[in-house]
PDB file of N, CA and C in Angstrom:
ATOM      1  N   MET A   1     -16.905 -20.566 -20.408  1.00  0.00           N
ATOM      2  CA  MET A   1     -16.508 -19.934 -19.171  1.00  0.00           C
ATOM      3  C   MET A   1     -17.552 -20.241 -18.090  1.00  0.00           C
ATOM      4  N   ARG A   2     -18.808 -20.175 -18.460  1.00  0.00           N
ATOM      5  CA  ARG A   2     -19.866 -20.441 -17.491  1.00  0.00           C
ATOM      6  C   ARG A   2     -19.805 -21.889 -17.011  1.00  0.00           C
ATOM      7  N   LYS A   3     -19.573 -22.806 -17.938  1.00  0.00           N
ATOM      8  CA  LYS A   3     -19.497 -24.235 -17.596  1.00  0.00           C
ATOM      9  C   LYS A   3     -18.272 -24.503 -16.722  1.00  0.00           C
ATOM     10  N   ALA A   4     -17.157 -23.848 -16.997  1.00  0.00           N
ATOM     11  CA  ALA A   4     -15.951 -24.022 -16.190  1.00  0.00           C
ATOM     12  C   ALA A   4     -16.168 -23.520 -14.772  1.00  0.00           C
ATOM     13  N   CYS A   5     -16.797 -22.349 -14.631  1.00  0.00           N
ATOM     14  CA  CYS A   5     -17.107 -21.807 -13.301  1.00  0.00           C
ATOM     15  C   CYS A   5     -18.049 -22.741 -12.554  1.00  0.00           C
ATOM     16  N   HIS A   6     -19.046 -23.268 -13.275  1.00  0.00           N
ATOM     17  CA  HIS A   6     -19.987 -24.193 -12.643  1.00  0.00           C
ATOM     18  C   HIS A   6     -19.255 -25.427 -12.120  1.00  0.00           C
ATOM     19  N   ASN A   7     -18.358 -25.969 -12.918  1.00  0.00           N
ATOM     20  CA  ASN A   7     -17.626 -27.174 -12.502  1.00  0.00           C
ATOM     21  C   ASN A   7     -16.737 -26.906 -11.294  1.00  0.00           C
ATOM     22  N   ILE A   8     -16.087 -25.763 -11.271  1.00  0.00           N
ATOM     23  CA  ILE A   8     -15.213 -25.425 -10.142  1.00  0.00           C
ATOM     24  C   ILE A   8     -16.038 -25.227  -8.871  1.00  0.00           C
ATOM     25  N   LEU A   9     -17.120 -24.460  -8.981  1.00  0.00           N
ATOM     26  CA  LEU A   9     -17.957 -24.225  -7.801  1.00  0.00           C
ATOM     27  C   LEU A   9     -18.624 -25.497  -7.309  1.00  0.00           C
ATOM     28  N   TYR A  10     -19.031 -26.353  -8.220  1.00  0.00           N
ATOM     29  CA  TYR A  10     -19.638 -27.629  -7.846  1.00  0.00           C
ATOM     30  C   TYR A  10     -18.621 -28.507  -7.102  1.00  0.00           C
ATOM     31  N   THR A  11     -17.382 -28.516  -7.586  1.00  0.00           N
ATOM     32  CA  THR A  11     -16.334 -29.312  -6.946  1.00  0.00           C
ATOM     33  C   THR A  11     -16.040 -28.788  -5.550  1.00  0.00           C
ATOM     34  N   VAL A  12     -15.949 -27.467  -5.405  1.00  0.00           N
ATOM     35  CA  VAL A  12     -15.659 -26.880  -4.096  1.00  0.00           C
ATOM     36  C   VAL A  12     -16.821 -27.120  -3.130  1.00  0.00           C
ATOM     37  N   ALA A  13     -18.034 -26.958  -3.587  1.00  0.00           N
ATOM     38  CA  ALA A  13     -19.201 -27.116  -2.724  1.00  0.00           C
ATOM     39  C   ALA A  13     -19.381 -28.547  -2.258  1.00  0.00           C
ATOM     40  N   ASN A  14     -18.994 -29.498  -3.070  1.00  0.00           N
ATOM     41  CA  ASN A  14     -19.178 -30.900  -2.725  1.00  0.00           C
ATOM     42  C   ASN A  14     -17.902 -31.584  -2.242  1.00  0.00           C
ATOM     43  N   ALA A  15     -16.888 -30.811  -1.963  1.00  0.00           N
ATOM     44  CA  ALA A  15     -15.647 -31.384  -1.453  1.00  0.00           C
ATOM     45  C   ALA A  15     -15.880 -31.938  -0.053  1.00  0.00           C
ATOM     46  N   SER A  16     -15.102 -32.922   0.322  1.00  0.00           N
ATOM     47  CA  SER A  16     -15.297 -33.564   1.617  1.00  0.00           C
ATOM     48  C   SER A  16     -15.005 -32.617   2.774  1.00  0.00           C
ATOM     49  N   ILE A  17     -14.105 -31.672   2.582  1.00  0.00           N
ATOM     50  CA  ILE A  17     -13.770 -30.761   3.680  1.00  0.00           C
ATOM     51  C   ILE A  17     -14.936 -29.816   3.964  1.00  0.00           C
ATOM     52  N   VAL A  18     -15.749 -29.521   2.963  1.00  0.00           N
ATOM     53  CA  VAL A  18     -16.889 -28.646   3.170  1.00  0.00           C
ATOM     54  C   VAL A  18     -18.053 -29.410   3.767  1.00  0.00           C
ATOM     55  N   SER A  19     -18.271 -30.621   3.303  1.00  0.00           N
ATOM     56  CA  SER A  19     -19.433 -31.368   3.734  1.00  0.00           C
ATOM     57  C   SER A  19     -19.271 -31.993   5.125  1.00  0.00           C
ATOM     58  N   ASN A  20     -18.056 -32.283   5.550  1.00  0.00           N
ATOM     59  CA  ASN A  20     -17.830 -32.853   6.877  1.00  0.00           C
ATOM     60  C   ASN A  20     -17.735 -31.730   7.909  1.00  0.00           C
ATOM     61  N   GLU A  21     -18.355 -31.961   9.042  1.00  0.00           N
ATOM     62  CA  GLU A  21     -18.214 -30.989  10.125  1.00  0.00           C
ATOM     63  C   GLU A  21     -16.878 -31.230  10.819  1.00  0.00           C
ATOM     64  N   VAL A  22     -16.087 -30.214  10.864  1.00  0.00           N
ATOM     65  CA  VAL A  22     -14.773 -30.301  11.472  1.00  0.00           C
ATOM     66  C   VAL A  22     -14.832 -29.564  12.798  1.00  0.00           C
ATOM     67  N   SER A  23     -14.263 -30.166  13.801  1.00  0.00           N
ATOM     68  CA  SER A  23     -14.234 -29.526  15.108  1.00  0.00           C
ATOM     69  C   SER A  23     -13.365 -28.278  15.031  1.00  0.00           C
ATOM     70  N   ALA A  24     -13.914 -27.161  15.416  1.00  0.00           N
ATOM     71  CA  ALA A  24     -13.204 -25.887  15.286  1.00  0.00           C
ATOM     72  C   ALA A  24     -12.738 -25.393  16.649  1.00  0.00           C
ATOM     73  N   THR A  25     -12.253 -26.298  17.475  1.00  0.00           N
ATOM     74  CA  THR A  25     -11.771 -25.875  18.794  1.00  0.00           C
ATOM     75  C   THR A  25     -10.531 -25.002  18.680  1.00  0.00           C
ATOM     76  N   TRP A  26      -9.753 -25.176  17.613  1.00  0.00           N
ATOM     77  CA  TRP A  26      -8.567 -24.346  17.464  1.00  0.00           C
ATOM     78  C   TRP A  26      -8.927 -22.887  17.265  1.00  0.00           C
ATOM     79  N   VAL A  27     -10.079 -22.631  16.658  1.00  0.00           N
ATOM     80  CA  VAL A  27     -10.524 -21.245  16.471  1.00  0.00           C
ATOM     81  C   VAL A  27     -10.798 -20.601  17.828  1.00  0.00           C
ATOM     82  N   VAL A  28     -11.425 -21.366  18.720  1.00  0.00           N
ATOM     83  CA  VAL A  28     -11.716 -20.860  20.055  1.00  0.00           C
ATOM     84  C   VAL A  28     -10.412 -20.552  20.789  1.00  0.00           C
ATOM     85  N   TRP A  29      -9.438 -21.431  20.675  1.00  0.00           N
ATOM     86  CA  TRP A  29      -8.153 -21.208  21.347  1.00  0.00           C
ATOM     87  C   TRP A  29      -7.431 -19.987  20.783  1.00  0.00           C
ATOM     88  N   VAL A  30      -7.507 -19.778  19.496  1.00  0.00           N
ATOM     89  CA  VAL A  30      -6.877 -18.600  18.895  1.00  0.00           C
ATOM     90  C   VAL A  30      -7.528 -17.328  19.398  1.00  0.00           C
ATOM     91  N   VAL A  31      -8.827 -17.306  19.480  1.00  0.00           N
ATOM     92  CA  VAL A  31      -9.543 -16.138  19.981  1.00  0.00           C
ATOM     93  C   VAL A  31      -9.209 -15.884  21.444  1.00  0.00           C
ATOM     94  N   VAL A  32      -9.161 -16.942  22.245  1.00  0.00           N
ATOM     95  CA  VAL A  32      -8.819 -16.797  23.659  1.00  0.00           C
ATOM     96  C   VAL A  32      -7.399 -16.265  23.804  1.00  0.00           C
ATOM     97  N   CYS A  33      -6.462 -16.806  23.049  1.00  0.00           N
ATOM     98  CA  CYS A  33      -5.082 -16.327  23.115  1.00  0.00           C
ATOM     99  C   CYS A  33      -4.973 -14.869  22.678  1.00  0.00           C
ATOM    100  N   ASP A  34      -5.700 -14.494  21.640  1.00  0.00           N
ATOM    101  CA  ASP A  34      -5.689 -13.101  21.194  1.00  0.00           C
ATOM    102  C   ASP A  34      -6.225 -12.169  22.276  1.00  0.00           C
ATOM    103  N   CYS A  35      -7.286 -12.591  22.950  1.00  0.00           N
ATOM    104  CA  CYS A  35      -7.850 -11.759  24.018  1.00  0.00           C
ATOM    105  C   CYS A  35      -6.889 -11.634  25.188  1.00  0.00           C
ATOM    106  N   VAL A  36      -6.221 -12.706  25.547  1.00  0.00           N
ATOM    107  CA  VAL A  36      -5.255 -12.658  26.652  1.00  0.00           C
ATOM    108  C   VAL A  36      -4.082 -11.747  26.284  1.00  0.00           C
ATOM    109  N   ILE A  37      -3.593 -11.868  25.086  1.00  0.00           N
ATOM    110  CA  ILE A  37      -2.486 -11.022  24.648  1.00  0.00           C
ATOM    111  C   ILE A  37      -2.909  -9.552  24.619  1.00  0.00           C
ATOM    112  N   ALA A  38      -4.106  -9.281  24.142  1.00  0.00           N
ATOM    113  CA  ALA A  38      -4.594  -7.896  24.105  1.00  0.00           C
ATOM    114  C   ALA A  38      -4.736  -7.338  25.516  1.00  0.00           C
ATOM    115  N   ALA A  39      -5.238  -8.146  26.455  1.00  0.00           N
ATOM    116  CA  ALA A  39      -5.373  -7.688  27.834  1.00  0.00           C
ATOM    117  C   ALA A  39      -4.004  -7.420  28.456  1.00  0.00           C
ATOM    118  N   LEU A  40      -3.038  -8.272  28.188  1.00  0.00           N
ATOM    119  CA  LEU A  40      -1.691  -8.053  28.714  1.00  0.00           C
ATOM    120  C   LEU A  40      -1.059  -6.793  28.124  1.00  0.00           C
ATOM    121  N   LEU A  41      -1.290  -6.537  26.856  1.00  0.00           N
ATOM    122  CA  LEU A  41      -0.752  -5.321  26.245  1.00  0.00           C
ATOM    123  C   LEU A  41      -1.382  -4.071  26.849  1.00  0.00           C
ATOM    124  N   VAL A  42      -2.678  -4.101  27.072  1.00  0.00           N
ATOM    125  CA  VAL A  42      -3.348  -2.959  27.694  1.00  0.00           C
ATOM    126  C   VAL A  42      -2.820  -2.742  29.099  1.00  0.00           C
ATOM    127  N   LEU A  43      -2.656  -3.808  29.861  1.00  0.00           N
ATOM    128  CA  LEU A  43      -2.109  -3.696  31.209  1.00  0.00           C
ATOM    129  C   LEU A  43      -0.697  -3.135  31.190  1.00  0.00           C
ATOM    130  N   TRP A  44       0.123  -3.585  30.265  1.00  0.00           N
ATOM    131  CA  TRP A  44       1.493  -3.096  30.140  1.00  0.00           C
ATOM    132  C   TRP A  44       1.512  -1.606  29.800  1.00  0.00           C
ATOM    133  N   ILE A  45       0.620  -1.177  28.912  1.00  0.00           N
ATOM    134  CA  ILE A  45       0.554   0.243  28.551  1.00  0.00           C
ATOM    135  C   ILE A  45       0.116   1.082  29.743  1.00  0.00           C
ATOM    136  N   ILE A  46      -0.872   0.613  30.479  1.00  0.00           N
ATOM    137  CA  ILE A  46      -1.355   1.347  31.662  1.00  0.00           C
ATOM    138  C   ILE A  46      -0.246   1.482  32.685  1.00  0.00           C
ATOM    139  N   LEU A  47       0.473   0.405  32.955  1.00  0.00           N
ATOM    140  CA  LEU A  47       1.547   0.458  33.942  1.00  0.00           C
ATOM    141  C   LEU A  47       2.692   1.351  33.479  1.00  0.00           C
ATOM    142  N   THR A  48       2.986   1.339  32.207  1.00  0.00           N
ATOM    143  CA  THR A  48       4.049   2.194  31.676  1.00  0.00           C
ATOM    144  C   THR A  48       3.664   3.669  31.786  1.00  0.00           C
ATOM    145  N   VAL A  49       2.433   3.987  31.458  1.00  0.00           N
ATOM    146  CA  VAL A  49       1.974   5.388  31.551  1.00  0.00           C
ATOM    147  C   VAL A  49       1.997   5.845  32.990  1.00  0.00           C
ATOM    148  N   ARG A  50       1.543   5.008  33.912  1.00  0.00           N
ATOM    149  CA  ARG A  50       1.571   5.375  35.329  1.00  0.00           C
ATOM    150  C   ARG A  50       2.994   5.624  35.814  1.00  0.00           C
ATOM    151  N   LYS A  51       3.936   4.794  35.375  1.00  0.00           N
ATOM    152  CA  LYS A  51       5.321   4.951  35.781  1.00  0.00           C
ATOM    153  C   LYS A  51       5.898   6.286  35.311  1.00  0.00           C
ATOM    154  N   TYR A  52       5.617   6.665  34.071  1.00  0.00           N
ATOM    155  CA  TYR A  52       6.142   7.920  33.555  1.00  0.00           C
ATOM    156  C   TYR A  52       5.424   9.133  34.154  1.00  0.00           C
ATOM    157  N   ARG A  53       4.161   8.991  34.530  1.00  0.00           N
ATOM    158  CA  ARG A  53       3.461  10.084  35.186  1.00  0.00           C
ATOM    159  C   ARG A  53       4.020  10.327  36.592  1.00  0.00           C
ATOM    160  N   ARG A  54       4.386   9.258  37.276  1.00  0.00           N
ATOM    161  CA  ARG A  54       4.970   9.412  38.613  1.00  0.00           C
ATOM    162  C   ARG A  54       6.344  10.081  38.547  1.00  0.00           C
ATOM    163  N   LYS A  55       7.102   9.817  37.481  1.00  0.00           N
ATOM    164  CA  LYS A  55       8.403  10.465  37.325  1.00  0.00           C
ATOM    165  C   LYS A  55       8.277  11.954  37.083  1.00  0.00           C
ATOM    166  N   ASP A  56       7.238  12.360  36.373  1.00  0.00           N
ATOM    167  CA  ASP A  56       7.033  13.771  36.050  1.00  0.00           C
ATOM    168  C   ASP A  56       6.646  14.594  37.276  1.00  0.00           C
ATOM    169  N   LYS A  57       6.012  13.990  38.259  1.00  0.00           N
ATOM    170  CA  LYS A  57       5.581  14.731  39.443  1.00  0.00           C
ATOM    171  C   LYS A  57       6.700  14.904  40.361  1.00  0.00           C
TER     172      LYS A  57
END
């Protein structure tokens, strides 16, 4: 079991996808899109609450 785990971990650690630096620009774009969507949702909630408060008055 120990030898099998060693072989698997050695293979994963020395795989080409791990050793090569991959440009992670897609991660930046995902974070930016998430932030934009979150900001739009907050804005939508604020505008909706204001609209219903004006109706109550």
